[in-house]
Amino acid sequence: MREHGRPIRAARPDEPGYAATEDGYVAYRVFGHGPLDLLVIGNWASNIEVITEHPSMARYLDRLSRYARVICFDKRGAGLSDPVPMNALPTLEHWMDDARAVLDAVGSESAALLGDAEGGPMAMTFAATYPQRTRALVLVNTFARMLRAPDYPIGMPEETSEKLLVEWERGWGRGDVVLPLSAPGVADDPQMQRWAGRYMRLSASPATATRIYRWVLHLDVRSVLPSINVPTLVLHRAGNRHYRVAMGRYLAEHIPGATYAELPGADWYPPFVDADPVLDRIGEFLTGDRAETVDDRVLATVLFTDIVGSTDAAARLGDRRWLDLKDAHDALVRTQLERYRGREIGTTGDGFLAIFDGPARAVRCASEIASAVRTLGIDIRAGLHSGEVELHDGDVAGIAVHIAARVMALAGAGRVLVSGTVKDLVVGSPIRFEDHGEHALKGVPGRWRLFEVAGIDSGQP
């Protein structure tokens, strides 16, 4: 018989390990070495192997690990943990066993719990069941019950949940389906769509995802709330359409002594859009100290690129030829970035994110990339915006980044599209533009006039 919680191997730093349960093995991963243990209980669909491949996720975990040893795990049925039979779905008790096994495996006697979205009911139940192992409880955009009831009018109607489940199963593995619900602020970002789709596919199959999500929708832990006797912080986005803000208020009203903070925005998954206010509140609550402000903000021109029709090209060429083509594309892009003093921030799927300290160089670079990759038989689209960004550990954040991504999404094949801000900053340069009209950029206030690069006059600096 397995020894509960015993790791089957000692995980090297920042690599997944496995903890034994009575029924199998649960995968976990540890980030940082802070004095506080923080167990992250997030969406049930997860994959800790690839969670840090997206810069926003990596930055989110890095911020938490500045003061905590951050412990993440895949619940049974998801990611690297053992699968579950279709006729024997896990219960909250099973998932709490998984959490205890992981804490035992990493030698944690007591941890703060961070429960967001579908992880919230489990975090609340764990805190009430094992108060001796729970230092504090943080709940972000979560709920005690999802479905409407006579004594719970704020819930989702049953018929709405059934429609949602149909859409969930049909759209599983497609970022463009789930992001409008979970992270509308980045829903139009093609790179984010690809990453989210891949992450979903590596987390669970459509059938498993739908069955477990149906079970999650029918959870009701309202009776647990009065029994939570640990320090509790409830954070909720005011514009959250799925986990409505009334659900967060309900938690704060029914958990004894809970602290409640309402934040602007509609995204219920914290890492991707405006994560800093969430992270600041969590850090202050758990440590008693206000988050140290990193004053590393600069004006930069942000460039996003993306290969047009990459999925069709990959299917047409086959894996080997597509990878060769992708390598050639990456080399051409990096050559132009070096030529125009661009700073590569990262790649996601088939595109690049880079920043420049001069908007004209950024536009020239984007135009050269668009021209150069045509020799490979492909086109890219590019979008640029100039604004203030925050630099941290090789990553970049700020509304300017999101605007540039939205601008790119509106560009045609082989085209370079810029915001009016960029155009205004390169007045007097040889770069010519054509008016592309006014557009609403999702998640960004107001309407934005965009311009397409029409050419660069030769013989001028």
Protein backbone atom coordinates (compact mmCIF):
# COMPACT_ATOMS: atom_id res chain seq x y z
CA MET A 1 0.00 0.00 0.00
CA ARG A 2 1.26 3.47 -0.87
CA GLU A 3 2.41 5.78 1.89
CA HIS A 4 0.07 8.79 1.67
CA GLY A 5 1.84 11.91 0.47
CA ARG A 6 5.21 10.23 -0.05
CA PRO A 7 6.88 11.53 -3.23
CA ILE A 8 7.80 8.77 -5.64
CA ARG A 9 10.81 10.89 -6.55
CA ALA A 10 12.32 14.06 -5.20
CA ALA A 11 11.40 16.83 -7.63
CA ARG A 12 14.30 19.00 -8.71
CA PRO A 13 13.73 22.72 -8.28
CA ASP A 14 10.99 24.02 -10.59
CA GLU A 15 10.22 20.55 -11.97
CA PRO A 16 7.06 18.53 -11.35
CA GLY A 17 7.06 15.84 -8.70
CA TYR A 18 4.49 13.23 -7.70
CA ALA A 19 2.74 12.63 -4.39
CA ALA A 20 1.11 9.29 -3.60
CA THR A 21 -2.55 9.05 -2.62
CA GLU A 22 -4.53 5.94 -1.75
CA ASP A 23 -5.78 5.83 -5.35
CA GLY A 24 -2.76 6.86 -7.40
CA TYR A 25 -0.47 9.82 -7.90
CA VAL A 26 -0.93 13.57 -7.97
CA ALA A 27 1.52 15.86 -9.76
CA TYR A 28 2.80 19.00 -8.06
CA ARG A 29 5.30 21.77 -8.69
CA VAL A 30 6.97 24.25 -6.35
CA PHE A 31 8.08 27.80 -7.14
CA GLY A 32 10.24 29.97 -4.90
CA HIS A 33 11.61 29.57 -1.38
CA GLY A 34 9.69 32.16 0.65
CA PRO A 35 8.97 31.72 4.36
CA LEU A 36 5.24 31.28 3.76
CA ASP A 37 3.77 28.21 2.06
CA LEU A 38 1.04 29.11 -0.44
CA LEU A 39 -1.04 26.31 -1.96
CA VAL A 40 -2.65 27.43 -5.22
CA ILE A 41 -6.01 25.77 -5.87
CA GLY A 42 -7.10 27.02 -9.26
CA ASN A 43 -9.29 25.81 -12.08
CA TRP A 44 -9.63 22.05 -12.05
CA ALA A 45 -8.35 21.93 -15.67
CA SER A 46 -4.61 22.51 -15.39
CA ASN A 47 -1.21 21.30 -16.50
CA ILE A 48 1.70 22.26 -14.26
CA GLU A 49 4.25 21.13 -16.85
CA VAL A 50 3.41 23.95 -19.27
CA ILE A 51 1.84 26.53 -16.95
CA THR A 52 4.87 28.83 -17.06
CA GLU A 53 5.22 28.79 -20.84
CA HIS A 54 3.07 31.91 -21.06
CA PRO A 55 4.86 35.07 -19.82
CA SER A 56 1.80 36.31 -17.92
CA MET A 57 1.52 33.06 -15.98
CA ALA A 58 5.24 33.04 -15.26
CA ARG A 59 5.10 36.62 -14.00
CA TYR A 60 2.06 35.89 -11.82
CA LEU A 61 3.80 32.98 -10.12
CA ASP A 62 7.03 34.96 -9.82
CA ARG A 63 5.24 37.76 -7.97
CA LEU A 64 3.70 35.27 -5.53
CA SER A 65 7.02 33.50 -5.00
CA ARG A 66 8.73 36.72 -3.84
CA TYR A 67 7.31 36.09 -0.37
CA ALA A 68 6.06 32.50 -0.52
CA ARG A 69 6.93 28.98 -1.47
CA VAL A 70 4.22 28.57 -4.11
CA ILE A 71 2.83 25.04 -4.42
CA CYS A 72 0.75 24.16 -7.49
CA PHE A 73 -0.79 20.80 -8.34
CA ASP A 74 -2.93 19.06 -10.94
CA LYS A 75 -6.03 17.60 -9.34
CA ARG A 76 -6.78 13.99 -10.20
CA GLY A 77 -8.34 13.85 -13.64
CA ALA A 78 -6.26 16.73 -14.99
CA GLY A 79 -2.83 17.39 -16.43
CA LEU A 80 -0.01 15.17 -15.19
CA SER A 81 -2.05 13.54 -12.41
CA ASP A 82 -3.77 10.19 -12.77
CA PRO A 83 -6.90 10.17 -14.95
CA VAL A 84 -10.32 9.31 -13.57
CA PRO A 85 -12.86 6.84 -14.98
CA MET A 86 -15.85 8.43 -16.69
CA ASN A 87 -18.19 6.59 -14.33
CA ALA A 88 -16.30 7.57 -11.17
CA LEU A 89 -15.70 11.31 -11.12
CA PRO A 90 -13.75 12.78 -8.19
CA THR A 91 -15.44 14.42 -5.24
CA LEU A 92 -14.37 17.39 -3.16
CA GLU A 93 -13.12 14.88 -0.62
CA HIS A 94 -10.90 13.25 -3.25
CA TRP A 95 -9.48 16.60 -4.26
CA MET A 96 -8.85 17.54 -0.64
CA ASP A 97 -6.98 14.24 -0.26
CA ASP A 98 -4.89 15.31 -3.25
CA ALA A 99 -4.10 18.64 -1.58
CA ARG A 100 -3.12 16.99 1.70
CA ALA A 101 -0.90 14.51 -0.15
CA VAL A 102 0.89 17.36 -1.91
CA LEU A 103 1.40 19.30 1.32
CA ASP A 104 2.79 16.16 2.95
CA ALA A 105 5.08 15.52 0.00
CA VAL A 106 6.66 18.97 0.18
CA GLY A 107 6.88 18.93 3.97
CA SER A 108 4.33 21.66 4.60
CA GLU A 109 2.49 21.49 7.91
CA SER A 110 0.41 24.61 7.29
CA ALA A 111 -0.17 26.74 4.21
CA ALA A 112 -2.18 29.71 3.03
CA LEU A 113 -4.69 28.71 0.36
CA LEU A 114 -5.31 30.67 -2.84
CA GLY A 115 -8.55 29.48 -4.43
CA ASP A 116 -9.73 31.06 -7.66
CA ALA A 117 -12.68 30.28 -9.91
CA GLU A 118 -13.56 26.56 -9.72
CA GLY A 119 -10.84 26.03 -7.11
CA GLY A 120 -12.68 28.20 -4.62
CA PRO A 121 -15.21 25.64 -3.32
CA MET A 122 -12.42 23.16 -2.63
CA ALA A 123 -10.27 25.80 -0.91
CA MET A 124 -13.18 26.82 1.32
CA THR A 125 -14.02 23.24 2.20
CA PHE A 126 -10.36 22.46 2.95
CA ALA A 127 -10.04 25.53 5.19
CA ALA A 128 -13.13 24.54 7.15
CA THR A 129 -12.12 20.88 7.36
CA TYR A 130 -8.42 21.32 8.13
CA PRO A 131 -8.06 24.66 9.95
CA GLN A 132 -4.87 23.42 11.61
CA ARG A 133 -3.28 23.15 8.15
CA THR A 134 -4.67 26.45 6.85
CA ARG A 135 -2.89 29.70 7.77
CA ALA A 136 -5.14 31.93 5.68
CA LEU A 137 -7.61 31.77 2.81
CA VAL A 138 -7.66 33.96 -0.31
CA LEU A 139 -10.63 33.64 -2.68
CA VAL A 140 -10.50 35.26 -6.13
CA ASN A 141 -13.50 35.42 -8.49
CA THR A 142 -15.16 32.34 -7.08
CA PHE A 143 -18.44 31.08 -5.66
CA ALA A 144 -20.16 28.88 -3.10
CA ARG A 145 -22.82 27.74 -5.55
CA MET A 146 -23.18 28.33 -9.29
CA LEU A 147 -26.80 27.38 -10.04
CA ARG A 148 -29.85 29.39 -9.09
CA ALA A 149 -32.04 28.19 -6.23
CA PRO A 150 -35.10 29.62 -4.43
CA ASP A 151 -32.82 30.83 -1.63
CA TYR A 152 -29.99 31.75 -4.03
CA PRO A 153 -31.38 34.02 -6.77
CA ILE A 154 -27.93 35.22 -7.84
CA GLY A 155 -27.07 31.85 -9.41
CA MET A 156 -27.07 30.78 -13.05
CA PRO A 157 -30.37 29.43 -14.44
CA GLU A 158 -30.32 25.68 -15.09
CA GLU A 159 -31.13 26.11 -18.78
CA THR A 160 -28.20 28.51 -19.17
CA SER A 161 -25.85 25.98 -17.60
CA GLU A 162 -27.00 23.29 -20.04
CA LYS A 163 -26.31 25.54 -23.02
CA LEU A 164 -22.93 26.39 -21.53
CA LEU A 165 -22.02 22.72 -21.19
CA VAL A 166 -22.88 22.07 -24.85
CA GLU A 167 -20.69 24.99 -25.92
CA TRP A 168 -17.98 23.85 -23.50
CA GLU A 169 -17.76 20.38 -25.04
CA ARG A 170 -17.92 21.58 -28.63
CA GLY A 171 -15.34 24.29 -28.03
CA TRP A 172 -12.92 22.43 -25.75
CA GLY A 173 -9.35 23.01 -26.84
CA ARG A 174 -10.18 26.29 -28.59
CA GLY A 175 -8.94 29.42 -26.92
CA ASP A 176 -11.28 31.62 -28.96
CA VAL A 177 -14.23 29.85 -27.31
CA VAL A 178 -13.15 29.94 -23.65
CA LEU A 179 -11.32 33.28 -23.49
CA PRO A 180 -14.37 35.52 -24.08
CA LEU A 181 -15.75 34.01 -20.88
CA SER A 182 -12.63 33.67 -18.73
CA ALA A 183 -10.40 36.50 -19.97
CA PRO A 184 -12.34 38.84 -22.28
CA GLY A 185 -9.55 41.39 -22.06
CA VAL A 186 -7.28 39.14 -24.14
CA ALA A 187 -9.94 37.17 -26.05
CA ASP A 188 -8.99 38.66 -29.43
CA ASP A 189 -5.27 38.00 -29.06
CA PRO A 190 -4.40 35.18 -31.53
CA GLN A 191 -1.31 34.20 -29.58
CA MET A 192 -3.29 33.94 -26.37
CA GLN A 193 -5.96 31.93 -28.17
CA ARG A 194 -3.38 29.40 -29.32
CA TRP A 195 -1.76 29.14 -25.90
CA ALA A 196 -5.10 28.75 -24.11
CA GLY A 197 -6.25 26.10 -26.59
CA ARG A 198 -3.06 24.10 -26.16
CA TYR A 199 -3.23 24.42 -22.38
CA MET A 200 -6.81 23.11 -22.37
CA ARG A 201 -5.92 20.15 -24.59
CA LEU A 202 -3.01 19.24 -22.33
CA SER A 203 -5.26 19.49 -19.26
CA ALA A 204 -8.05 17.09 -20.17
CA SER A 205 -10.09 15.54 -22.98
CA PRO A 206 -13.41 17.12 -24.05
CA ALA A 207 -15.44 14.35 -22.41
CA THR A 208 -13.58 14.54 -19.09
CA ALA A 209 -13.70 18.33 -19.12
CA THR A 210 -17.45 18.40 -19.73
CA ARG A 211 -18.31 15.79 -17.10
CA ILE A 212 -16.21 17.41 -14.41
CA TYR A 213 -17.44 20.89 -15.29
CA ARG A 214 -21.04 19.67 -15.01
CA TRP A 215 -20.16 18.40 -11.54
CA VAL A 216 -18.52 21.72 -10.65
CA LEU A 217 -21.61 23.63 -11.76
CA HIS A 218 -23.71 21.60 -9.33
CA LEU A 219 -21.46 22.12 -6.30
CA ASP A 220 -22.96 23.85 -3.29
CA VAL A 221 -20.68 24.63 -0.33
CA ARG A 222 -22.81 27.37 1.24
CA SER A 223 -23.19 25.32 4.40
CA VAL A 224 -19.40 25.32 4.82
CA LEU A 225 -19.00 29.10 4.96
CA PRO A 226 -19.93 29.72 8.62
CA SER A 227 -17.36 27.08 9.64
CA ILE A 228 -14.41 28.86 8.07
CA ASN A 229 -12.41 30.23 10.99
CA VAL A 230 -9.18 31.36 9.35
CA PRO A 231 -8.26 34.86 8.11
CA THR A 232 -10.03 35.23 4.77
CA LEU A 233 -9.72 37.69 1.88
CA VAL A 234 -12.35 37.74 -0.89
CA LEU A 235 -11.42 39.51 -4.15
CA HIS A 236 -13.87 39.82 -7.04
CA ARG A 237 -13.96 41.60 -10.40
CA ALA A 238 -16.97 43.90 -10.57
CA GLY A 239 -17.69 43.18 -14.25
CA ASN A 240 -17.31 39.40 -14.09
CA ARG A 241 -20.17 37.99 -16.21
CA HIS A 242 -19.64 34.32 -15.35
CA TYR A 243 -18.82 34.34 -11.65
CA ARG A 244 -20.99 37.36 -10.94
CA VAL A 245 -19.88 39.91 -8.40
CA ALA A 246 -22.91 39.08 -6.24
CA MET A 247 -21.35 35.64 -5.70
CA GLY A 248 -18.21 37.22 -4.25
CA ARG A 249 -20.25 39.50 -2.02
CA TYR A 250 -22.20 36.47 -0.80
CA LEU A 251 -18.97 34.79 0.29
CA ALA A 252 -17.80 37.85 2.19
CA GLU A 253 -21.16 38.17 3.93
CA HIS A 254 -21.25 34.54 5.08
CA ILE A 255 -17.60 33.81 6.00
CA PRO A 256 -16.97 35.09 9.54
CA GLY A 257 -14.63 38.08 9.60
CA ALA A 258 -13.86 37.98 5.88
CA THR A 259 -12.24 41.00 4.22
CA TYR A 260 -13.81 41.96 0.89
CA ALA A 261 -12.35 43.97 -1.98
CA GLU A 262 -14.04 44.64 -5.30
CA LEU A 263 -11.79 45.32 -8.28
CA PRO A 264 -12.63 46.76 -11.70
CA GLY A 265 -12.61 44.52 -14.76
CA ALA A 266 -14.37 41.46 -16.14
CA ASP A 267 -11.63 38.82 -16.37
CA TRP A 268 -12.04 36.03 -13.83
CA TYR A 269 -8.70 34.36 -14.48
CA PRO A 270 -6.25 36.63 -12.60
CA PRO A 271 -2.89 36.32 -14.42
CA PHE A 272 -3.70 37.67 -17.86
CA VAL A 273 -5.25 41.13 -17.54
CA ASP A 274 -4.38 43.76 -14.91
CA ALA A 275 -3.02 41.22 -12.45
CA ASP A 276 -1.09 43.70 -10.32
CA PRO A 277 -4.04 44.93 -8.19
CA VAL A 278 -4.91 41.31 -7.40
CA LEU A 279 -1.31 40.44 -6.58
CA ASP A 280 -0.87 43.58 -4.46
CA ARG A 281 -3.95 42.77 -2.37
CA ILE A 282 -2.89 39.16 -1.89
CA GLY A 283 0.65 40.10 -0.87
CA GLU A 284 -0.51 42.75 1.58
CA PHE A 285 -3.06 40.38 3.14
CA LEU A 286 -0.67 37.45 3.55
CA THR A 287 2.42 39.37 4.67
CA GLY A 288 0.98 42.49 6.28
CA ASP A 289 3.14 44.61 4.02
CA ARG A 290 2.14 46.65 1.04
CA ALA A 291 3.64 45.35 -2.17
CA GLU A 292 6.88 47.04 -3.10
CA THR A 293 6.31 49.07 -6.21
CA VAL A 294 8.75 48.28 -8.98
CA ASP A 295 9.45 51.61 -10.64
CA ASP A 296 10.74 50.23 -13.90
CA ARG A 297 8.30 51.85 -16.27
CA VAL A 298 9.46 53.19 -19.61
CA LEU A 299 7.95 54.52 -22.79
CA ALA A 300 8.32 51.92 -25.51
CA THR A 301 6.86 50.90 -28.84
CA VAL A 302 5.40 47.43 -28.61
CA LEU A 303 5.41 45.13 -31.64
CA PHE A 304 3.38 41.97 -32.07
CA THR A 305 3.73 39.73 -35.12
CA ASP A 306 1.90 36.58 -36.15
CA ILE A 307 2.14 34.18 -39.08
CA VAL A 308 -1.04 34.29 -41.19
CA GLY A 309 -2.66 30.93 -41.87
CA SER A 310 -0.15 29.00 -39.79
CA THR A 311 -2.54 26.15 -39.01
CA ASP A 312 -3.30 25.51 -42.68
CA ALA A 313 0.38 25.78 -43.59
CA ALA A 314 1.38 23.30 -40.90
CA ALA A 315 -1.25 20.83 -42.09
CA ARG A 316 -0.18 21.24 -45.71
CA LEU A 317 3.55 20.94 -45.11
CA GLY A 318 3.67 18.33 -42.38
CA ASP A 319 5.45 18.57 -39.06
CA ARG A 320 9.06 18.41 -40.23
CA ARG A 321 8.79 20.90 -43.09
CA TRP A 322 6.66 23.24 -40.96
CA LEU A 323 9.21 23.23 -38.16
CA ASP A 324 11.98 23.98 -40.66
CA LEU A 325 9.92 26.85 -42.07
CA LYS A 326 9.17 28.13 -38.57
CA ASP A 327 12.89 28.08 -37.70
CA ALA A 328 13.68 30.07 -40.85
CA HIS A 329 10.95 32.57 -39.97
CA ASP A 330 12.28 32.99 -36.44
CA ALA A 331 15.79 33.56 -37.74
CA LEU A 332 14.60 36.27 -40.15
CA VAL A 333 12.62 38.02 -37.42
CA ARG A 334 15.56 37.98 -35.01
CA THR A 335 17.88 39.36 -37.70
CA GLN A 336 15.60 42.37 -38.18
CA LEU A 337 15.13 42.85 -34.43
CA GLU A 338 18.90 43.03 -34.01
CA ARG A 339 19.23 45.39 -36.98
CA TYR A 340 16.66 47.84 -35.58
CA ARG A 341 17.62 47.49 -31.90
CA GLY A 342 14.46 45.70 -30.93
CA ARG A 343 14.32 43.76 -27.70
CA GLU A 344 12.74 40.34 -28.02
CA ILE A 345 10.42 39.68 -25.08
CA GLY A 346 9.22 36.28 -26.13
CA THR A 347 7.48 34.06 -28.64
CA THR A 348 4.06 32.53 -28.32
CA GLY A 349 3.01 30.01 -30.92
CA ASP A 350 3.85 31.54 -34.30
CA GLY A 351 4.51 35.15 -33.37
CA PHE A 352 6.90 37.50 -31.64
CA LEU A 353 6.55 40.16 -28.97
CA ALA A 354 9.25 42.83 -28.96
CA ILE A 355 9.74 46.38 -27.73
CA PHE A 356 11.71 49.31 -29.14
CA ASP A 357 12.97 52.58 -27.72
CA GLY A 358 12.10 54.36 -30.97
CA PRO A 359 8.78 54.11 -32.87
CA ALA A 360 10.24 54.73 -36.32
CA ARG A 361 12.70 51.87 -35.90
CA ALA A 362 9.85 49.68 -34.73
CA VAL A 363 7.78 50.45 -37.84
CA ARG A 364 10.75 49.92 -40.13
CA CYS A 365 11.50 46.62 -38.42
CA ALA A 366 7.92 45.40 -38.80
CA SER A 367 7.89 46.36 -42.47
CA GLU A 368 11.20 44.59 -43.12
CA ILE A 369 9.93 41.46 -41.37
CA ALA A 370 6.75 41.46 -43.46
CA SER A 371 8.84 41.77 -46.62
CA ALA A 372 11.51 39.24 -45.62
CA VAL A 373 9.18 36.39 -44.72
CA ARG A 374 7.52 36.53 -48.15
CA THR A 375 10.67 34.86 -49.47
CA LEU A 376 9.59 31.86 -47.41
CA GLY A 377 6.16 31.78 -49.03
CA ILE A 378 4.32 33.05 -45.95
CA ASP A 379 2.85 36.30 -44.68
CA ILE A 380 2.80 37.84 -41.24
CA ARG A 381 0.57 40.48 -39.74
CA ALA A 382 1.99 43.07 -37.37
CA GLY A 383 0.62 45.59 -34.91
CA LEU A 384 2.34 48.41 -33.03
CA HIS A 385 1.47 50.84 -30.26
CA SER A 386 3.58 53.24 -28.21
CA GLY A 387 2.95 53.73 -24.51
CA GLU A 388 4.26 53.23 -21.00
CA VAL A 389 5.21 49.65 -20.11
CA GLU A 390 6.56 47.98 -17.00
CA LEU A 391 9.69 45.88 -17.34
CA HIS A 392 10.32 43.05 -14.92
CA ASP A 393 12.61 40.03 -15.16
CA GLY A 394 12.63 40.03 -18.93
CA ASP A 395 8.86 40.41 -19.25
CA VAL A 396 6.79 43.44 -20.21
CA ALA A 397 3.35 44.46 -18.97
CA GLY A 398 0.93 47.33 -19.23
CA ILE A 399 -2.07 48.48 -21.23
CA ALA A 400 0.22 49.39 -24.15
CA VAL A 401 0.99 45.69 -24.60
CA HIS A 402 -2.69 44.80 -24.79
CA ILE A 403 -3.40 47.62 -27.25
CA ALA A 404 -0.60 46.47 -29.56
CA ALA A 405 -2.02 42.94 -29.52
CA ARG A 406 -5.49 44.26 -30.43
CA VAL A 407 -4.03 46.36 -33.25
CA MET A 408 -2.22 43.33 -34.67
CA ALA A 409 -5.42 41.28 -34.63
CA LEU A 410 -6.99 43.80 -37.03
CA ALA A 411 -4.11 43.74 -39.54
CA GLY A 412 -4.47 41.94 -42.86
CA ALA A 413 -2.06 39.42 -44.34
CA GLY A 414 1.32 41.00 -45.01
CA ARG A 415 0.20 44.28 -43.45
CA VAL A 416 1.60 46.44 -40.67
CA LEU A 417 -0.99 48.31 -38.63
CA VAL A 418 -0.17 51.01 -36.08
CA SER A 419 -2.10 53.10 -33.57
CA GLY A 420 -2.54 56.83 -34.03
CA THR A 421 -0.06 57.29 -31.20
CA VAL A 422 2.69 55.66 -33.26
CA LYS A 423 1.81 57.71 -36.33
CA ASP A 424 1.94 60.93 -34.31
CA LEU A 425 5.35 60.02 -32.87
CA VAL A 426 6.96 59.46 -36.30
CA VAL A 427 5.81 62.72 -37.86
CA GLY A 428 8.57 63.94 -40.16
CA SER A 429 9.88 60.45 -40.92
CA PRO A 430 9.76 58.96 -44.44
CA ILE A 431 7.09 56.48 -43.34
CA ARG A 432 3.79 56.84 -45.22
CA PHE A 433 0.46 55.73 -43.79
CA GLU A 434 -3.08 55.09 -44.99
CA ASP A 435 -6.05 55.73 -42.72
CA HIS A 436 -7.52 52.41 -41.56
CA GLY A 437 -10.50 53.96 -39.78
CA GLU A 438 -11.70 54.02 -36.19
CA HIS A 439 -12.01 50.79 -34.25
CA ALA A 440 -13.14 49.59 -30.84
CA LEU A 441 -10.36 47.60 -29.21
CA LYS A 442 -11.82 45.02 -26.86
CA GLY A 443 -11.06 45.76 -23.24
CA VAL A 444 -9.71 49.24 -24.06
CA PRO A 445 -11.85 52.35 -23.50
CA GLY A 446 -12.87 54.57 -26.41
CA ARG A 447 -12.40 54.23 -30.14
CA TRP A 448 -8.97 54.12 -31.73
CA ARG A 449 -7.93 55.42 -35.12
CA LEU A 450 -5.53 53.01 -36.79
CA PHE A 451 -3.20 53.42 -39.75
CA GLU A 452 -1.64 50.99 -42.19
CA VAL A 453 1.97 51.41 -43.27
CA ALA A 454 1.78 52.26 -46.99
CA GLY A 455 5.50 52.52 -47.63
CA ILE A 456 8.80 54.05 -46.63
CA ASP A 457 10.30 56.59 -49.01
CA SER A 458 13.83 55.70 -50.07
CA GLY A 459 16.79 58.01 -49.78
CA GLN A 460 15.64 59.46 -46.46
CA PRO A 461 17.00 58.65 -43.03
